[in-house]
Amino acid sequence: MSKKTLCIIIHFGSVEFTNNCLKSLIDSLDFIDIVIVDNDPSQDFHKPNFLQIDPIIIKSGGNKSFAKANNLFFDKFPDRIIDFHSFLFLIK
């Protein structure tokens, strides 16, 4: 099994913006895993119906900084990046 690229998306504010970001990744789903960090305490982001995969969605519990929000994935899944992924890219 070849390793995939891990894509971490920080959601805050615009659901439409986050969904557009996800739509731009659809052609790459065979090559990426998606993590969405819901960083907006006033919203409850859910997987959009158009997305055919189940991304990991992590609730940050509030408005964390960009770095802290990204680090939530590594706190919850410390070995996953090494075992399953060859690259990482972050989207804000």
Protein backbone atom coordinates (compact mmCIF):
# COMPACT_ATOMS: atom_id res chain seq x y z
CA MET A 1 0.00 0.00 0.00
CA SER A 2 1.47 3.33 -0.99
CA LYS A 3 1.32 6.16 1.48
CA LYS A 4 -1.09 9.04 0.93
CA THR A 5 -0.77 12.76 1.50
CA LEU A 6 -2.52 14.01 4.62
CA CYS A 7 -4.56 17.17 4.12
CA ILE A 8 -5.58 19.09 7.24
CA ILE A 9 -8.26 21.74 6.70
CA ILE A 10 -9.02 24.26 9.43
CA HIS A 11 -12.70 25.21 9.35
CA PHE A 12 -13.67 28.56 10.80
CA GLY A 13 -16.55 30.81 9.79
CA SER A 14 -17.67 30.00 6.27
CA VAL A 15 -19.09 26.52 5.68
CA GLU A 16 -19.26 27.44 1.99
CA PHE A 17 -15.52 28.20 1.92
CA THR A 18 -14.68 24.89 3.61
CA ASN A 19 -16.99 23.00 1.23
CA ASN A 20 -15.40 24.71 -1.78
CA CYS A 21 -12.01 23.66 -0.47
CA LEU A 22 -13.25 20.06 -0.18
CA LYS A 23 -14.71 20.19 -3.70
CA SER A 24 -11.32 21.27 -5.05
CA LEU A 25 -9.81 18.08 -3.59
CA ILE A 26 -12.34 15.59 -4.99
CA ASP A 27 -10.18 14.57 -7.96
CA SER A 28 -7.35 13.71 -5.58
CA LEU A 29 -9.27 11.48 -3.15
CA ASP A 30 -7.34 8.38 -4.20
CA PHE A 31 -4.14 10.06 -3.07
CA ILE A 32 -5.13 11.99 0.06
CA ASP A 33 -6.70 11.56 3.46
CA ILE A 34 -8.64 14.53 4.78
CA VAL A 35 -8.82 15.84 8.34
CA ILE A 36 -11.11 18.76 9.12
CA VAL A 37 -10.53 20.63 12.35
CA ASP A 38 -13.74 22.43 13.29
CA ASN A 39 -12.22 25.48 14.93
CA ASP A 40 -15.41 27.57 15.12
CA PRO A 41 -17.10 27.32 18.54
CA SER A 42 -20.30 28.85 17.15
CA GLN A 43 -20.75 26.12 14.49
CA ASP A 44 -20.92 22.35 14.25
CA PHE A 45 -19.31 21.35 10.94
CA HIS A 46 -20.51 18.06 9.43
CA LYS A 47 -19.40 16.10 6.40
CA PRO A 48 -21.14 17.54 3.32
CA ASN A 49 -23.35 15.16 1.31
CA PHE A 50 -21.30 15.53 -1.87
CA LEU A 51 -18.17 14.08 -0.24
CA GLN A 52 -17.88 10.35 -0.96
CA ILE A 53 -15.32 9.67 1.76
CA ASP A 54 -15.50 10.04 5.52
CA PRO A 55 -12.94 12.60 6.60
CA ILE A 56 -11.76 12.70 10.17
CA ILE A 57 -13.52 15.63 11.84
CA ILE A 58 -11.99 16.94 15.05
CA LYS A 59 -13.76 19.51 17.22
CA SER A 60 -11.22 21.93 18.63
CA GLY A 61 -13.50 23.10 21.43
CA GLY A 62 -12.96 26.73 20.53
CA ASN A 63 -10.98 29.12 18.41
CA LYS A 64 -7.43 27.78 18.58
CA SER A 65 -4.53 29.30 16.70
CA PHE A 66 -3.69 27.83 13.29
CA ALA A 67 -0.76 25.86 14.71
CA LYS A 68 -2.68 24.55 17.72
CA ALA A 69 -5.63 23.52 15.55
CA ASN A 70 -3.30 21.56 13.23
CA ASN A 71 -1.59 19.91 16.17
CA LEU A 72 -4.89 18.47 17.43
CA PHE A 73 -4.64 15.72 14.81
CA PHE A 74 -1.14 14.79 15.93
CA ASP A 75 -2.23 14.81 19.58
CA LYS A 76 -5.07 12.37 18.83
CA PHE A 77 -3.26 10.17 16.29
CA PRO A 78 0.48 10.47 17.02
CA ASP A 79 1.61 7.51 14.88
CA ARG A 80 -0.73 7.93 11.94
CA ILE A 81 1.34 10.44 9.98
CA ILE A 82 4.39 8.15 10.03
CA ASP A 83 2.53 4.91 9.34
CA PHE A 84 0.10 6.05 6.66
CA HIS A 85 1.30 9.29 5.08
CA SER A 86 4.27 10.42 3.07
CA PHE A 87 3.45 14.14 2.90
CA LEU A 88 1.39 16.70 4.77
CA PHE A 89 -0.23 19.91 3.62
CA LEU A 90 -2.21 22.38 5.64
CA ILE A 91 -5.07 24.54 4.44
CA LYS A 92 -6.46 27.51 6.32
